[in-house]
Amino acid sequence: MAEFFVMGSSFPAPFCGDNLESFVEADTPAEALQRFVDSCSHPCGVYSAAAFLSSDDQKKGGRALVRYCSNELLVREEATRGLGCYSTSRNSDGDLVVNGKVHKIVNPKGGRIIPG
């Protein structure tokens, strides 16, 4: 088992999220990240997180080994990909609206681990 440094942020409540960080022992970076997400006690949940070899690696600008993205973040990244400038808002159903186009977010607080 190895120790990984995980850094992330919570969902905003109401305007900005909190920084979250922890050292997690696991066999793989993905397992460490999943443990971090599963054990997070922040009342708003994990918006995004990334696993690094060490805190030193993260602080010196090292690339994340794997990332966790909430479904909300994944929809936002897809909806704004390639746009240089855009405006966002929410409709009454909680869906993301980008430049007037509605993007449905299914299970916003769910998510998945993706390559860093």
PDB file of N, CA and C in Angstrom:
ATOM      1  N   MET A   1       0.826  -1.174   0.000  1.00  0.00           N
ATOM      2  CA  MET A   1       0.000   0.000   0.000  1.00  0.00           C
ATOM      3  C   MET A   1       0.879   1.248   0.000  1.00  0.00           C
ATOM      4  N   ALA A   2       0.410   2.267  -0.669  1.00  0.00           N
ATOM      5  CA  ALA A   2       1.136   3.539  -0.754  1.00  0.00           C
ATOM      6  C   ALA A   2       0.266   4.652  -0.173  1.00  0.00           C
ATOM      7  N   GLU A   3       0.912   5.768   0.132  1.00  0.00           N
ATOM      8  CA  GLU A   3       0.170   6.927   0.613  1.00  0.00           C
ATOM      9  C   GLU A   3       0.098   7.959  -0.505  1.00  0.00           C
ATOM     10  N   PHE A   4      -1.117   8.459  -0.762  1.00  0.00           N
ATOM     11  CA  PHE A   4      -1.342   9.476  -1.785  1.00  0.00           C
ATOM     12  C   PHE A   4      -1.883  10.735  -1.122  1.00  0.00           C
ATOM     13  N   PHE A   5      -1.599  11.873  -1.736  1.00  0.00           N
ATOM     14  CA  PHE A   5      -2.143  13.137  -1.269  1.00  0.00           C
ATOM     15  C   PHE A   5      -3.339  13.470  -2.143  1.00  0.00           C
ATOM     16  N   VAL A   6      -4.470  13.728  -1.514  1.00  0.00           N
ATOM     17  CA  VAL A   6      -5.686  14.054  -2.252  1.00  0.00           C
ATOM     18  C   VAL A   6      -6.116  15.463  -1.873  1.00  0.00           C
ATOM     19  N   MET A   7      -6.370  16.258  -2.896  1.00  0.00           N
ATOM     20  CA  MET A   7      -6.820  17.630  -2.697  1.00  0.00           C
ATOM     21  C   MET A   7      -8.086  17.838  -3.511  1.00  0.00           C
ATOM     22  N   GLY A   8      -9.067  18.493  -2.907  1.00  0.00           N
ATOM     23  CA  GLY A   8     -10.316  18.707  -3.621  1.00  0.00           C
ATOM     24  C   GLY A   8     -11.051  19.926  -3.118  1.00  0.00           C
ATOM     25  N   SER A   9     -12.297  20.035  -3.562  1.00  0.00           N
ATOM     26  CA  SER A   9     -13.156  21.129  -3.104  1.00  0.00           C
ATOM     27  C   SER A   9     -14.576  20.625  -2.968  1.00  0.00           C
ATOM     28  N   SER A  10     -15.292  21.262  -2.058  1.00  0.00           N
ATOM     29  CA  SER A  10     -16.688  20.904  -1.835  1.00  0.00           C
ATOM     30  C   SER A  10     -17.575  21.657  -2.825  1.00  0.00           C
ATOM     31  N   PHE A  11     -18.823  21.248  -2.892  1.00  0.00           N
ATOM     32  CA  PHE A  11     -19.812  22.032  -3.631  1.00  0.00           C
ATOM     33  C   PHE A  11     -19.934  23.380  -2.924  1.00  0.00           C
ATOM     34  N   PRO A  12     -20.195  24.448  -3.666  1.00  0.00           N
ATOM     35  CA  PRO A  12     -20.324  25.763  -3.056  1.00  0.00           C
ATOM     36  C   PRO A  12     -21.563  25.863  -2.165  1.00  0.00           C
ATOM     37  N   ALA A  13     -21.427  26.629  -1.098  1.00  0.00           N
ATOM     38  CA  ALA A  13     -22.557  26.823  -0.192  1.00  0.00           C
ATOM     39  C   ALA A  13     -22.507  28.211   0.417  1.00  0.00           C
ATOM     40  N   PRO A  14     -23.146  29.212  -0.098  1.00  0.00           N
ATOM     41  CA  PRO A  14     -23.812  29.231  -1.394  1.00  0.00           C
ATOM     42  C   PRO A  14     -22.930  29.739  -2.523  1.00  0.00           C
ATOM     43  N   PHE A  15     -21.801  30.411  -2.203  1.00  0.00           N
ATOM     44  CA  PHE A  15     -21.032  31.051  -3.274  1.00  0.00           C
ATOM     45  C   PHE A  15     -19.705  30.377  -3.600  1.00  0.00           C
ATOM     46  N   CYS A  16     -19.023  29.831  -2.619  1.00  0.00           N
ATOM     47  CA  CYS A  16     -17.740  29.196  -2.903  1.00  0.00           C
ATOM     48  C   CYS A  16     -17.580  27.949  -2.039  1.00  0.00           C
ATOM     49  N   GLY A  17     -16.865  26.973  -2.577  1.00  0.00           N
ATOM     50  CA  GLY A  17     -16.643  25.726  -1.863  1.00  0.00           C
ATOM     51  C   GLY A  17     -15.445  25.819  -0.938  1.00  0.00           C
ATOM     52  N   ASP A  18     -15.352  24.834  -0.058  1.00  0.00           N
ATOM     53  CA  ASP A  18     -14.216  24.742   0.853  1.00  0.00           C
ATOM     54  C   ASP A  18     -13.128  23.868   0.239  1.00  0.00           C
ATOM     55  N   ASN A  19     -11.876  24.167   0.565  1.00  0.00           N
ATOM     56  CA  ASN A  19     -10.770  23.302   0.157  1.00  0.00           C
ATOM     57  C   ASN A  19     -10.749  22.084   1.069  1.00  0.00           C
ATOM     58  N   LEU A  20     -10.510  20.928   0.485  1.00  0.00           N
ATOM     59  CA  LEU A  20     -10.438  19.672   1.216  1.00  0.00           C
ATOM     60  C   LEU A  20      -9.117  19.009   0.869  1.00  0.00           C
ATOM     61  N   GLU A  21      -8.454  18.416   1.861  1.00  0.00           N
ATOM     62  CA  GLU A  21      -7.233  17.680   1.557  1.00  0.00           C
ATOM     63  C   GLU A  21      -6.996  16.609   2.607  1.00  0.00           C
ATOM     64  N   SER A  22      -6.312  15.542   2.178  1.00  0.00           N
ATOM     65  CA  SER A  22      -6.061  14.417   3.079  1.00  0.00           C
ATOM     66  C   SER A  22      -4.962  13.535   2.496  1.00  0.00           C
ATOM     67  N   PHE A  23      -4.292  12.803   3.369  1.00  0.00           N
ATOM     68  CA  PHE A  23      -3.376  11.745   2.958  1.00  0.00           C
ATOM     69  C   PHE A  23      -4.153  10.442   3.071  1.00  0.00           C
ATOM     70  N   VAL A  24      -4.145   9.644   2.001  1.00  0.00           N
ATOM     71  CA  VAL A  24      -4.946   8.424   1.964  1.00  0.00           C
ATOM     72  C   VAL A  24      -4.065   7.252   1.553  1.00  0.00           C
ATOM     73  N   GLU A  25      -4.117   6.186   2.341  1.00  0.00           N
ATOM     74  CA  GLU A  25      -3.389   4.963   1.994  1.00  0.00           C
ATOM     75  C   GLU A  25      -4.266   4.081   1.116  1.00  0.00           C
ATOM     76  N   ALA A  26      -3.679   3.588   0.023  1.00  0.00           N
ATOM     77  CA  ALA A  26      -4.409   2.731  -0.910  1.00  0.00           C
ATOM     78  C   ALA A  26      -3.406   2.055  -1.841  1.00  0.00           C
ATOM     79  N   ASP A  27      -3.885   1.063  -2.574  1.00  0.00           N
ATOM     80  CA  ASP A  27      -3.031   0.363  -3.539  1.00  0.00           C
ATOM     81  C   ASP A  27      -2.829   1.164  -4.819  1.00  0.00           C
ATOM     82  N   THR A  28      -3.841   1.961  -5.197  1.00  0.00           N
ATOM     83  CA  THR A  28      -3.769   2.741  -6.440  1.00  0.00           C
ATOM     84  C   THR A  28      -4.269   4.161  -6.185  1.00  0.00           C
ATOM     85  N   PRO A  29      -3.900   5.108  -7.040  1.00  0.00           N
ATOM     86  CA  PRO A  29      -4.425   6.471  -6.893  1.00  0.00           C
ATOM     87  C   PRO A  29      -5.949   6.518  -7.001  1.00  0.00           C
ATOM     88  N   ALA A  30      -6.517   5.720  -7.902  1.00  0.00           N
ATOM     89  CA  ALA A  30      -7.978   5.702  -8.061  1.00  0.00           C
ATOM     90  C   ALA A  30      -8.661   5.205  -6.792  1.00  0.00           C
ATOM     91  N   GLU A  31      -8.085   4.195  -6.162  1.00  0.00           N
ATOM     92  CA  GLU A  31      -8.650   3.680  -4.911  1.00  0.00           C
ATOM     93  C   GLU A  31      -8.553   4.738  -3.809  1.00  0.00           C
ATOM     94  N   ALA A  32      -7.441   5.453  -3.753  1.00  0.00           N
ATOM     95  CA  ALA A  32      -7.283   6.524  -2.763  1.00  0.00           C
ATOM     96  C   ALA A  32      -8.328   7.608  -2.969  1.00  0.00           C
ATOM     97  N   LEU A  33      -8.545   7.973  -4.206  1.00  0.00           N
ATOM     98  CA  LEU A  33      -9.513   9.007  -4.524  1.00  0.00           C
ATOM     99  C   LEU A  33     -10.924   8.557  -4.157  1.00  0.00           C
ATOM    100  N   GLN A  34     -11.265   7.318  -4.460  1.00  0.00           N
ATOM    101  CA  GLN A  34     -12.593   6.813  -4.127  1.00  0.00           C
ATOM    102  C   GLN A  34     -12.792   6.761  -2.612  1.00  0.00           C
ATOM    103  N   ARG A  35     -11.771   6.368  -1.886  1.00  0.00           N
ATOM    104  CA  ARG A  35     -11.845   6.363  -0.415  1.00  0.00           C
ATOM    105  C   ARG A  35     -12.064   7.774   0.120  1.00  0.00           C
ATOM    106  N   PHE A  36     -11.365   8.731  -0.463  1.00  0.00           N
ATOM    107  CA  PHE A  36     -11.505  10.128  -0.061  1.00  0.00           C
ATOM    108  C   PHE A  36     -12.942  10.606  -0.266  1.00  0.00           C
ATOM    109  N   VAL A  37     -13.489  10.341  -1.439  1.00  0.00           N
ATOM    110  CA  VAL A  37     -14.858  10.772  -1.752  1.00  0.00           C
ATOM    111  C   VAL A  37     -15.855  10.073  -0.830  1.00  0.00           C
ATOM    112  N   ASP A  38     -15.694   8.762  -0.657  1.00  0.00           N
ATOM    113  CA  ASP A  38     -16.632   7.992   0.166  1.00  0.00           C
ATOM    114  C   ASP A  38     -16.596   8.400   1.635  1.00  0.00           C
ATOM    115  N   SER A  39     -15.448   8.831   2.117  1.00  0.00           N
ATOM    116  CA  SER A  39     -15.322   9.154   3.541  1.00  0.00           C
ATOM    117  C   SER A  39     -15.484  10.644   3.837  1.00  0.00           C
ATOM    118  N   CYS A  40     -15.669  11.456   2.832  1.00  0.00           N
ATOM    119  CA  CYS A  40     -15.781  12.902   3.040  1.00  0.00           C
ATOM    120  C   CYS A  40     -17.040  13.220   3.860  1.00  0.00           C
ATOM    121  N   SER A  41     -16.855  13.987   4.922  1.00  0.00           N
ATOM    122  CA  SER A  41     -17.981  14.331   5.793  1.00  0.00           C
ATOM    123  C   SER A  41     -18.481  15.754   5.577  1.00  0.00           C
ATOM    124  N   HIS A  42     -17.968  16.427   4.560  1.00  0.00           N
ATOM    125  CA  HIS A  42     -18.425  17.796   4.305  1.00  0.00           C
ATOM    126  C   HIS A  42     -19.915  17.766   3.973  1.00  0.00           C
ATOM    127  N   PRO A  43     -20.709  18.625   4.585  1.00  0.00           N
ATOM    128  CA  PRO A  43     -22.165  18.571   4.369  1.00  0.00           C
ATOM    129  C   PRO A  43     -22.614  18.837   2.934  1.00  0.00           C
ATOM    130  N   CYS A  44     -21.776  19.510   2.141  1.00  0.00           N
ATOM    131  CA  CYS A  44     -22.152  19.808   0.754  1.00  0.00           C
ATOM    132  C   CYS A  44     -21.637  18.767  -0.233  1.00  0.00           C
ATOM    133  N   GLY A  45     -20.751  17.872   0.185  1.00  0.00           N
ATOM    134  CA  GLY A  45     -20.217  16.840  -0.699  1.00  0.00           C
ATOM    135  C   GLY A  45     -19.023  17.304  -1.506  1.00  0.00           C
ATOM    136  N   VAL A  46     -18.411  16.372  -2.216  1.00  0.00           N
ATOM    137  CA  VAL A  46     -17.201  16.636  -2.998  1.00  0.00           C
ATOM    138  C   VAL A  46     -17.584  17.055  -4.420  1.00  0.00           C
ATOM    139  N   TYR A  47     -17.151  18.256  -4.820  1.00  0.00           N
ATOM    140  CA  TYR A  47     -17.371  18.761  -6.166  1.00  0.00           C
ATOM    141  C   TYR A  47     -16.306  18.211  -7.116  1.00  0.00           C
ATOM    142  N   SER A  48     -15.046  18.255  -6.662  1.00  0.00           N
ATOM    143  CA  SER A  48     -13.940  17.743  -7.465  1.00  0.00           C
ATOM    144  C   SER A  48     -12.777  17.414  -6.544  1.00  0.00           C
ATOM    145  N   ALA A  49     -11.904  16.536  -7.017  1.00  0.00           N
ATOM    146  CA  ALA A  49     -10.712  16.174  -6.242  1.00  0.00           C
ATOM    147  C   ALA A  49      -9.683  15.576  -7.187  1.00  0.00           C
ATOM    148  N   ALA A  50      -8.442  15.530  -6.712  1.00  0.00           N
ATOM    149  CA  ALA A  50      -7.356  14.961  -7.510  1.00  0.00           C
ATOM    150  C   ALA A  50      -6.367  14.279  -6.577  1.00  0.00           C
ATOM    151  N   ALA A  51      -5.801  13.166  -7.040  1.00  0.00           N
ATOM    152  CA  ALA A  51      -4.810  12.420  -6.269  1.00  0.00           C
ATOM    153  C   ALA A  51      -3.421  12.666  -6.854  1.00  0.00           C
ATOM    154  N   PHE A  52      -2.461  12.892  -5.951  1.00  0.00           N
ATOM    155  CA  PHE A  52      -1.070  13.141  -6.316  1.00  0.00           C
ATOM    156  C   PHE A  52      -0.168  12.157  -5.582  1.00  0.00           C
ATOM    157  N   LEU A  53       1.055  11.988  -6.078  1.00  0.00           N
ATOM    158  CA  LEU A  53       2.012  11.118  -5.406  1.00  0.00           C
ATOM    159  C   LEU A  53       2.303  11.604  -3.988  1.00  0.00           C
ATOM    160  N   SER A  54       2.356  12.931  -3.815  1.00  0.00           N
ATOM    161  CA  SER A  54       2.653  13.509  -2.506  1.00  0.00           C
ATOM    162  C   SER A  54       2.164  14.951  -2.485  1.00  0.00           C
ATOM    163  N   SER A  55       2.108  15.526  -1.279  1.00  0.00           N
ATOM    164  CA  SER A  55       1.738  16.941  -1.187  1.00  0.00           C
ATOM    165  C   SER A  55       2.828  17.802  -1.829  1.00  0.00           C
ATOM    166  N   ASP A  56       4.066  17.372  -1.716  1.00  0.00           N
ATOM    167  CA  ASP A  56       5.177  18.082  -2.335  1.00  0.00           C
ATOM    168  C   ASP A  56       5.007  18.113  -3.854  1.00  0.00           C
ATOM    169  N   ASP A  57       4.604  16.982  -4.417  1.00  0.00           N
ATOM    170  CA  ASP A  57       4.377  16.896  -5.857  1.00  0.00           C
ATOM    171  C   ASP A  57       3.265  17.861  -6.275  1.00  0.00           C
ATOM    172  N   GLN A  58       2.201  17.915  -5.497  1.00  0.00           N
ATOM    173  CA  GLN A  58       1.086  18.819  -5.811  1.00  0.00           C
ATOM    174  C   GLN A  58       1.524  20.278  -5.702  1.00  0.00           C
ATOM    175  N   LYS A  59       2.238  20.618  -4.639  1.00  0.00           N
ATOM    176  CA  LYS A  59       2.649  22.006  -4.413  1.00  0.00           C
ATOM    177  C   LYS A  59       3.638  22.502  -5.465  1.00  0.00           C
ATOM    178  N   LYS A  60       4.408  21.583  -6.048  1.00  0.00           N
ATOM    179  CA  LYS A  60       5.381  21.960  -7.080  1.00  0.00           C
ATOM    180  C   LYS A  60       4.802  21.883  -8.483  1.00  0.00           C
ATOM    181  N   GLY A  61       3.479  21.732  -8.588  1.00  0.00           N
ATOM    182  CA  GLY A  61       2.821  21.765  -9.889  1.00  0.00           C
ATOM    183  C   GLY A  61       2.775  20.434 -10.616  1.00  0.00           C
ATOM    184  N   GLY A  62       2.981  19.329  -9.897  1.00  0.00           N
ATOM    185  CA  GLY A  62       2.896  18.010 -10.525  1.00  0.00           C
ATOM    186  C   GLY A  62       1.504  17.720 -11.048  1.00  0.00           C
ATOM    187  N   ARG A  63       1.450  16.889 -12.033  1.00  0.00           N
ATOM    188  CA  ARG A  63       0.170  16.536 -12.656  1.00  0.00           C
ATOM    189  C   ARG A  63      -0.586  15.533 -11.778  1.00  0.00           C
ATOM    190  N   ALA A  64      -1.889  15.704 -11.686  1.00  0.00           N
ATOM    191  CA  ALA A  64      -2.728  14.767 -10.936  1.00  0.00           C
ATOM    192  C   ALA A  64      -2.666  13.389 -11.589  1.00  0.00           C
ATOM    193  N   LEU A  65      -2.622  12.362 -10.762  1.00  0.00           N
ATOM    194  CA  LEU A  65      -2.612  10.985 -11.276  1.00  0.00           C
ATOM    195  C   LEU A  65      -3.998  10.606 -11.783  1.00  0.00           C
ATOM    196  N   VAL A  66      -5.015  10.941 -11.016  1.00  0.00           N
ATOM    197  CA  VAL A  66      -6.419  10.750 -11.397  1.00  0.00           C
ATOM    198  C   VAL A  66      -7.225  11.888 -10.801  1.00  0.00           C
ATOM    199  N   ARG A  67      -8.396  12.135 -11.389  1.00  0.00           N
ATOM    200  CA  ARG A  67      -9.296  13.190 -10.903  1.00  0.00           C
ATOM    201  C   ARG A  67     -10.667  12.615 -10.629  1.00  0.00           C
ATOM    202  N   TYR A  68     -11.350  13.174  -9.655  1.00  0.00           N
ATOM    203  CA  TYR A  68     -12.763  12.876  -9.424  1.00  0.00           C
ATOM    204  C   TYR A  68     -13.542  14.115  -9.835  1.00  0.00           C
ATOM    205  N   CYS A  69     -14.550  13.929 -10.671  1.00  0.00           N
ATOM    206  CA  CYS A  69     -15.403  15.040 -11.088  1.00  0.00           C
ATOM    207  C   CYS A  69     -16.847  14.691 -10.769  1.00  0.00           C
ATOM    208  N   SER A  70     -17.529  15.602 -10.086  1.00  0.00           N
ATOM    209  CA  SER A  70     -18.953  15.410  -9.852  1.00  0.00           C
ATOM    210  C   SER A  70     -19.670  15.487 -11.201  1.00  0.00           C
ATOM    211  N   ASN A  71     -20.859  14.924 -11.251  1.00  0.00           N
ATOM    212  CA  ASN A  71     -21.633  14.986 -12.497  1.00  0.00           C
ATOM    213  C   ASN A  71     -21.899  16.434 -12.891  1.00  0.00           C
ATOM    214  N   GLU A  72     -22.073  17.303 -11.909  1.00  0.00           N
ATOM    215  CA  GLU A  72     -22.270  18.715 -12.208  1.00  0.00           C
ATOM    216  C   GLU A  72     -21.056  19.296 -12.928  1.00  0.00           C
ATOM    217  N   LEU A  73     -19.866  18.990 -12.431  1.00  0.00           N
ATOM    218  CA  LEU A  73     -18.646  19.485 -13.072  1.00  0.00           C
ATOM    219  C   LEU A  73     -18.478  18.896 -14.471  1.00  0.00           C
ATOM    220  N   LEU A  74     -18.773  17.613 -14.631  1.00  0.00           N
ATOM    221  CA  LEU A  74     -18.645  16.987 -15.953  1.00  0.00           C
ATOM    222  C   LEU A  74     -19.566  17.648 -16.976  1.00  0.00           C
ATOM    223  N   VAL A  75     -20.803  17.957 -16.578  1.00  0.00           N
ATOM    224  CA  VAL A  75     -21.738  18.642 -17.490  1.00  0.00           C
ATOM    225  C   VAL A  75     -21.233  20.042 -17.795  1.00  0.00           C
ATOM    226  N   ARG A  76     -20.740  20.746 -16.773  1.00  0.00           N
ATOM    227  CA  ARG A  76     -20.220  22.104 -16.981  1.00  0.00           C
ATOM    228  C   ARG A  76     -19.026  22.100 -17.938  1.00  0.00           C
ATOM    229  N   GLU A  77     -18.103  21.161 -17.750  1.00  0.00           N
ATOM    230  CA  GLU A  77     -16.935  21.089 -18.638  1.00  0.00           C
ATOM    231  C   GLU A  77     -17.342  20.793 -20.077  1.00  0.00           C
ATOM    232  N   GLU A  78     -18.288  19.887 -20.252  1.00  0.00           N
ATOM    233  CA  GLU A  78     -18.753  19.539 -21.601  1.00  0.00           C
ATOM    234  C   GLU A  78     -19.495  20.720 -22.238  1.00  0.00           C
ATOM    235  N   ALA A  79     -20.338  21.377 -21.459  1.00  0.00           N
ATOM    236  CA  ALA A  79     -21.160  22.474 -21.987  1.00  0.00           C
ATOM    237  C   ALA A  79     -20.333  23.699 -22.370  1.00  0.00           C
ATOM    238  N   THR A  80     -19.183  23.882 -21.723  1.00  0.00           N
ATOM    239  CA  THR A  80     -18.378  25.085 -21.992  1.00  0.00           C
ATOM    240  C   THR A  80     -17.122  24.797 -22.818  1.00  0.00           C
ATOM    241  N   ARG A  81     -16.919  23.539 -23.188  1.00  0.00           N
ATOM    242  CA  ARG A  81     -15.725  23.185 -23.975  1.00  0.00           C
ATOM    243  C   ARG A  81     -15.705  23.981 -25.283  1.00  0.00           C
ATOM    244  N   GLY A  82     -14.587  24.630 -25.529  1.00  0.00           N
ATOM    245  CA  GLY A  82     -14.412  25.366 -26.779  1.00  0.00           C
ATOM    246  C   GLY A  82     -14.987  26.777 -26.758  1.00  0.00           C
ATOM    247  N   LEU A  83     -15.670  27.148 -25.688  1.00  0.00           N
ATOM    248  CA  LEU A  83     -16.235  28.493 -25.606  1.00  0.00           C
ATOM    249  C   LEU A  83     -15.217  29.418 -24.954  1.00  0.00           C
ATOM    250  N   GLY A  84     -14.909  30.506 -25.601  1.00  0.00           N
ATOM    251  CA  GLY A  84     -13.968  31.453 -25.022  1.00  0.00           C
ATOM    252  C   GLY A  84     -14.622  32.331 -23.972  1.00  0.00           C
ATOM    253  N   CYS A  85     -15.872  32.633 -24.173  1.00  0.00           N
ATOM    254  CA  CYS A  85     -16.616  33.498 -23.270  1.00  0.00           C
ATOM    255  C   CYS A  85     -18.041  32.957 -23.189  1.00  0.00           C
ATOM    256  N   TYR A  86     -18.597  32.908 -22.004  1.00  0.00           N
ATOM    257  CA  TYR A  86     -19.955  32.376 -21.852  1.00  0.00           C
ATOM    258  C   TYR A  86     -20.568  32.865 -20.551  1.00  0.00           C
ATOM    259  N   SER A  87     -21.882  32.765 -20.475  1.00  0.00           N
ATOM    260  CA  SER A  87     -22.580  33.086 -19.226  1.00  0.00           C
ATOM    261  C   SER A  87     -23.306  31.829 -18.762  1.00  0.00           C
ATOM    262  N   THR A  88     -23.377  31.662 -17.451  1.00  0.00           N
ATOM    263  CA  THR A  88     -24.070  30.503 -16.888  1.00  0.00           C
ATOM    264  C   THR A  88     -25.091  30.957 -15.858  1.00  0.00           C
ATOM    265  N   SER A  89     -26.127  30.150 -15.717  1.00  0.00           N
ATOM    266  CA  SER A  89     -27.144  30.364 -14.695  1.00  0.00           C
ATOM    267  C   SER A  89     -27.818  29.026 -14.429  1.00  0.00           C
ATOM    268  N   ARG A  90     -28.791  29.024 -13.565  1.00  0.00           N
ATOM    269  CA  ARG A  90     -29.577  27.828 -13.253  1.00  0.00           C
ATOM    270  C   ARG A  90     -31.036  28.117 -13.538  1.00  0.00           C
ATOM    271  N   ASN A  91     -31.752  27.107 -14.026  1.00  0.00           N
ATOM    272  CA  ASN A  91     -33.193  27.268 -14.164  1.00  0.00           C
ATOM    273  C   ASN A  91     -33.867  26.750 -12.891  1.00  0.00           C
ATOM    274  N   SER A  92     -35.190  26.797 -12.844  1.00  0.00           N
ATOM    275  CA  SER A  92     -35.915  26.412 -11.630  1.00  0.00           C
ATOM    276  C   SER A  92     -35.795  24.924 -11.317  1.00  0.00           C
ATOM    277  N   ASP A  93     -35.394  24.107 -12.288  1.00  0.00           N
ATOM    278  CA  ASP A  93     -35.197  22.670 -12.062  1.00  0.00           C
ATOM    279  C   ASP A  93     -33.769  22.354 -11.597  1.00  0.00           C
ATOM    280  N   GLY A  94     -32.924  23.372 -11.507  1.00  0.00           N
ATOM    281  CA  GLY A  94     -31.545  23.160 -11.077  1.00  0.00           C
ATOM    282  C   GLY A  94     -30.604  22.803 -12.211  1.00  0.00           C
ATOM    283  N   ASP A  95     -31.101  22.855 -13.439  1.00  0.00           N
ATOM    284  CA  ASP A  95     -30.262  22.534 -14.590  1.00  0.00           C
ATOM    285  C   ASP A  95     -29.329  23.700 -14.909  1.00  0.00           C
ATOM    286  N   LEU A  96     -28.209  23.390 -15.531  1.00  0.00           N
ATOM    287  CA  LEU A  96     -27.231  24.391 -15.938  1.00  0.00           C
ATOM    288  C   LEU A  96     -27.675  25.024 -17.251  1.00  0.00           C
ATOM    289  N   VAL A  97     -27.626  26.345 -17.312  1.00  0.00           N
ATOM    290  CA  VAL A  97     -27.952  27.071 -18.538  1.00  0.00           C
ATOM    291  C   VAL A  97     -26.687  27.809 -18.972  1.00  0.00           C
ATOM    292  N   VAL A  98     -26.190  27.481 -20.166  1.00  0.00           N
ATOM    293  CA  VAL A  98     -24.985  28.111 -20.706  1.00  0.00           C
ATOM    294  C   VAL A  98     -25.373  28.833 -21.984  1.00  0.00           C
ATOM    295  N   ASN A  99     -25.168  30.147 -21.998  1.00  0.00           N
ATOM    296  CA  ASN A  99     -25.529  30.978 -23.163  1.00  0.00           C
ATOM    297  C   ASN A  99     -26.950  30.691 -23.642  1.00  0.00           C
ATOM    298  N   GLY A 100     -27.861  30.491 -22.691  1.00  0.00           N
ATOM    299  CA  GLY A 100     -29.268  30.283 -23.017  1.00  0.00           C
ATOM    300  C   GLY A 100     -29.656  28.839 -23.304  1.00  0.00           C
ATOM    301  N   LYS A 101     -28.706  27.932 -23.409  1.00  0.00           N
ATOM    302  CA  LYS A 101     -28.996  26.519 -23.699  1.00  0.00           C
ATOM    303  C   LYS A 101     -29.007  25.718 -22.401  1.00  0.00           C
ATOM    304  N   VAL A 102     -30.076  24.932 -22.194  1.00  0.00           N
ATOM    305  CA  VAL A 102     -30.241  24.146 -20.967  1.00  0.00           C
ATOM    306  C   VAL A 102     -29.481  22.826 -21.079  1.00  0.00           C
ATOM    307  N   HIS A 103     -28.736  22.504 -20.019  1.00  0.00           N
ATOM    308  CA  HIS A 103     -27.989  21.251 -19.930  1.00  0.00           C
ATOM    309  C   HIS A 103     -28.461  20.524 -18.675  1.00  0.00           C
ATOM    310  N   LYS A 104     -29.136  19.404 -18.861  1.00  0.00           N
ATOM    311  CA  LYS A 104     -29.683  18.614 -17.749  1.00  0.00           C
ATOM    312  C   LYS A 104     -28.554  17.967 -16.958  1.00  0.00           C
ATOM    313  N   ILE A 105     -28.616  18.078 -15.630  1.00  0.00           N
ATOM    314  CA  ILE A 105     -27.635  17.436 -14.758  1.00  0.00           C
ATOM    315  C   ILE A 105     -28.356  16.346 -13.975  1.00  0.00           C
ATOM    316  N   VAL A 106     -28.062  15.099 -14.300  1.00  0.00           N
ATOM    317  CA  VAL A 106     -28.641  13.962 -13.592  1.00  0.00           C
ATOM    318  C   VAL A 106     -27.742  13.623 -12.406  1.00  0.00           C
ATOM    319  N   ASN A 107     -28.309  13.544 -11.227  1.00  0.00           N
ATOM    320  CA  ASN A 107     -27.567  13.219 -10.009  1.00  0.00           C
ATOM    321  C   ASN A 107     -26.312  14.096  -9.879  1.00  0.00           C
ATOM    322  N   PRO A 108     -26.484  15.391  -9.672  1.00  0.00           N
ATOM    323  CA  PRO A 108     -25.339  16.317  -9.661  1.00  0.00           C
ATOM    324  C   PRO A 108     -24.250  15.947  -8.669  1.00  0.00           C
ATOM    325  N   LYS A 109     -24.592  15.338  -7.541  1.00  0.00           N
ATOM    326  CA  LYS A 109     -23.591  15.037  -6.527  1.00  0.00           C
ATOM    327  C   LYS A 109     -22.949  13.659  -6.722  1.00  0.00           C
ATOM    328  N   GLY A 110     -23.405  12.922  -7.712  1.00  0.00           N
ATOM    329  CA  GLY A 110     -22.702  11.702  -8.106  1.00  0.00           C
ATOM    330  C   GLY A 110     -21.483  12.109  -8.908  1.00  0.00           C
ATOM    331  N   GLY A 111     -20.673  11.166  -9.324  1.00  0.00           N
ATOM    332  CA  GLY A 111     -19.510  11.526 -10.126  1.00  0.00           C
ATOM    333  C   GLY A 111     -18.712  10.302 -10.505  1.00  0.00           C
ATOM    334  N   ARG A 112     -17.545  10.551 -11.090  1.00  0.00           N
ATOM    335  CA  ARG A 112     -16.683   9.424 -11.485  1.00  0.00           C
ATOM    336  C   ARG A 112     -15.233   9.858 -11.507  1.00  0.00           C
ATOM    337  N   ILE A 113     -14.376   8.857 -11.485  1.00  0.00           N
ATOM    338  CA  ILE A 113     -12.938   9.077 -11.532  1.00  0.00           C
ATOM    339  C   ILE A 113     -12.478   9.017 -12.976  1.00  0.00           C
ATOM    340  N   ILE A 114     -11.686   9.997 -13.373  1.00  0.00           N
ATOM    341  CA  ILE A 114     -11.188  10.070 -14.741  1.00  0.00           C
ATOM    342  C   ILE A 114      -9.656  10.230 -14.696  1.00  0.00           C
ATOM    343  N   PRO A 115      -8.972   9.972 -15.809  1.00  0.00           N
ATOM    344  CA  PRO A 115      -7.509  10.156 -15.834  1.00  0.00           C
ATOM    345  C   PRO A 115      -7.138  11.601 -15.491  1.00  0.00           C
ATOM    346  N   GLY A 116      -5.966  11.771 -14.896  1.00  0.00           N
ATOM    347  CA  GLY A 116      -5.493  13.112 -14.513  1.00  0.00           C
ATOM    348  C   GLY A 116      -5.093  13.891 -15.709  1.00  0.00           C
TER     349      GLY A 116
END
